[in-house]
C-alpha atoms as a PDB file:
ATOM      1  CA  UNK A   1      93.697 158.134 -27.747  1.00  0.00           C
ATOM      2  CA  UNK A   2      96.951 159.828 -26.788  1.00  0.00           C
ATOM      3  CA  UNK A   3      98.451 159.336 -23.387  1.00  0.00           C
ATOM      4  CA  UNK A   4     101.271 162.096 -22.278  1.00  0.00           C
ATOM      5  CA  UNK A   5     103.420 162.066 -19.518  1.00  0.00           C
ATOM      6  CA  UNK A   6     105.642 164.477 -17.936  1.00  0.00           C
ATOM      7  CA  UNK A   7     109.022 163.755 -15.043  1.00  0.00           C
ATOM      8  CA  UNK A   8     109.523 167.125 -13.370  1.00  0.00           C
ATOM      9  CA  UNK A   9     112.680 167.252 -10.695  1.00  0.00           C
ATOM     10  CA  UNK A  10     112.525 169.176  -8.024  1.00  0.00           C
ATOM     11  CA  UNK A  11     115.214 170.691  -5.673  1.00  0.00           C
ATOM     12  CA  UNK A  12     114.459 172.345  -2.189  1.00  0.00           C
ATOM     13  CA  UNK A  13     117.178 174.106  -1.025  1.00  0.00           C
ATOM     14  CA  UNK A  14     115.764 175.877   1.413  1.00  0.00           C
ATOM     15  CA  UNK A  15     113.987 172.951   3.110  1.00  0.00           C
ATOM     16  CA  UNK A  16     115.062 170.897   6.055  1.00  0.00           C
ATOM     17  CA  UNK A  17     112.242 168.525   7.064  1.00  0.00           C
ATOM     18  CA  UNK A  18     109.849 165.760   5.139  1.00  0.00           C
ATOM     19  CA  UNK A  19     107.458 167.612   6.449  1.00  0.00           C
ATOM     20  CA  UNK A  20     108.463 170.848   4.653  1.00  0.00           C
ATOM     21  CA  UNK A  21     108.747 169.327   1.653  1.00  0.00           C
ATOM     22  CA  UNK A  22     105.643 167.746   1.460  1.00  0.00           C
ATOM     23  CA  UNK A  23     103.758 171.278   2.198  1.00  0.00           C
ATOM     24  CA  UNK A  24     105.200 172.489  -0.899  1.00  0.00           C
ATOM     25  CA  UNK A  25     104.280 169.561  -2.711  1.00  0.00           C
ATOM     26  CA  UNK A  26     101.067 169.448  -1.815  1.00  0.00           C
ATOM     27  CA  UNK A  27     100.824 172.839  -3.276  1.00  0.00           C
ATOM     28  CA  UNK A  28     102.227 172.118  -6.703  1.00  0.00           C
ATOM     29  CA  UNK A  29      99.881 169.129  -6.823  1.00  0.00           C
ATOM     30  CA  UNK A  30      97.029 170.913  -5.885  1.00  0.00           C
ATOM     31  CA  UNK A  31      97.260 174.051  -8.518  1.00  0.00           C
ATOM     32  CA  UNK A  32      98.386 171.922 -11.338  1.00  0.00           C
ATOM     33  CA  UNK A  33      95.425 169.442 -11.242  1.00  0.00           C
ATOM     34  CA  UNK A  34      92.699 171.550 -10.033  1.00  0.00           C
ATOM     35  CA  UNK A  35      93.677 174.328 -12.946  1.00  0.00           C
ATOM     36  CA  UNK A  36      94.329 171.204 -15.851  1.00  0.00           C
ATOM     37  CA  UNK A  37      92.562 168.115 -14.449  1.00  0.00           C
ATOM     38  CA  UNK A  38      96.124 166.269 -14.993  1.00  0.00           C
ATOM     39  CA  UNK A  39      97.194 163.830 -12.135  1.00  0.00           C
ATOM     40  CA  UNK A  40     100.083 164.383 -10.765  1.00  0.00           C
ATOM     41  CA  UNK A  41     101.859 162.202  -7.914  1.00  0.00           C
ATOM     42  CA  UNK A  42     105.765 162.223  -6.182  1.00  0.00           C
ATOM     43  CA  UNK A  43     107.450 159.127  -8.308  1.00  0.00           C
ATOM     44  CA  UNK A  44     111.425 159.639  -6.800  1.00  0.00           C
ATOM     45  CA  UNK A  45     113.113 160.572  -4.438  1.00  0.00           C
ATOM     46  CA  UNK A  46     110.774 159.957  -1.712  1.00  0.00           C
ATOM     47  CA  UNK A  47     113.139 159.768   1.535  1.00  0.00           C
ATOM     48  CA  UNK A  48     115.165 162.745   0.565  1.00  0.00           C
ATOM     49  CA  UNK A  49     114.538 166.046   1.894  1.00  0.00           C
ATOM     50  CA  UNK A  50     115.645 168.832  -0.405  1.00  0.00           C
ATOM     51  CA  UNK A  51     114.723 166.951  -3.841  1.00  0.00           C
ATOM     52  CA  UNK A  52     111.846 165.065  -5.636  1.00  0.00           C
ATOM     53  CA  UNK A  53     110.712 164.392  -8.510  1.00  0.00           C
ATOM     54  CA  UNK A  54     106.861 164.530  -9.914  1.00  0.00           C
ATOM     55  CA  UNK A  55     104.889 162.401 -12.267  1.00  0.00           C
ATOM     56  CA  UNK A  56     102.411 164.223 -14.489  1.00  0.00           C
ATOM     57  CA  UNK A  57     100.246 162.044 -16.614  1.00  0.00           C
ATOM     58  CA  UNK A  58      97.056 162.919 -18.886  1.00  0.00           C
ATOM     59  CA  UNK A  59      95.024 161.124 -21.476  1.00  0.00           C
ATOM     60  CA  UNK A  60      92.989 162.556 -24.265  1.00  0.00           C
ATOM     61  CA  UNK A  61      91.219 162.149 -27.718  1.00  0.00           C
ATOM     62  CA  UNK A  62      94.055 163.662 -29.608  1.00  0.00           C
ATOM     63  CA  UNK A  63      97.519 165.301 -29.942  1.00  0.00           C
ATOM     64  CA  UNK A  64      96.714 168.831 -30.655  1.00  0.00           C
ATOM     65  CA  UNK A  65      94.560 168.579 -27.385  1.00  0.00           C
ATOM     66  CA  UNK A  66      97.284 167.270 -25.133  1.00  0.00           C
ATOM     67  CA  UNK A  67      99.855 169.706 -26.753  1.00  0.00           C
ATOM     68  CA  UNK A  68      97.553 172.493 -25.499  1.00  0.00           C
ATOM     69  CA  UNK A  69      97.638 171.288 -22.056  1.00  0.00           C
ATOM     70  CA  UNK A  70     101.028 170.246 -21.886  1.00  0.00           C
ATOM     71  CA  UNK A  71     101.979 173.719 -22.574  1.00  0.00           C
ATOM     72  CA  UNK A  72      99.855 175.313 -19.375  1.00  0.00           C
ATOM     73  CA  UNK A  73     101.054 173.482 -16.327  1.00  0.00           C
ATOM     74  CA  UNK A  74     104.807 174.727 -15.916  1.00  0.00           C
ATOM     75  CA  UNK A  75     102.696 177.806 -15.886  1.00  0.00           C
ATOM     76  CA  UNK A  76     101.002 176.810 -13.087  1.00  0.00           C
ATOM     77  CA  UNK A  77     104.037 175.851 -10.831  1.00  0.00           C
ATOM     78  CA  UNK A  78     104.487 178.628  -8.918  1.00  0.00           C
ATOM     79  CA  UNK A  79     107.509 180.718 -10.040  1.00  0.00           C
ATOM     80  CA  UNK A  80     109.646 180.972  -6.298  1.00  0.00           C
ATOM     81  CA  UNK A  81     113.271 180.964  -4.797  1.00  0.00           C
ATOM     82  CA  UNK A  82     112.399 178.274  -2.242  1.00  0.00           C
ATOM     83  CA  UNK A  83     113.132 175.616  -5.466  1.00  0.00           C
ATOM     84  CA  UNK A  84     113.438 175.045  -8.359  1.00  0.00           C
ATOM     85  CA  UNK A  85     112.505 172.637 -11.084  1.00  0.00           C
ATOM     86  CA  UNK A  86     113.408 171.012 -14.188  1.00  0.00           C
ATOM     87  CA  UNK A  87     112.135 168.818 -17.080  1.00  0.00           C
ATOM     88  CA  UNK A  88     113.660 164.823 -16.675  1.00  0.00           C
ATOM     89  CA  UNK A  89     111.381 163.502 -19.445  1.00  0.00           C
END
């Protein structure tokens, strides 16, 4: 069994409330988890309006399968001028 974990930092400069942040994160979480069957959760900066840290996790039977899956989630995160994303670890 192989476990893959990814931490992604988001900066949402045009956001002005936790409610707006929640809307952005829900869209990302739904899109990634539906398209790739990957677990997604907010795991940091929960009380900050303009930044978030998302954690992604997946379990597979072999390394090649996980490598194929990990190449895809970054393409599922919509490109937007309203936020920037960078890989933390």
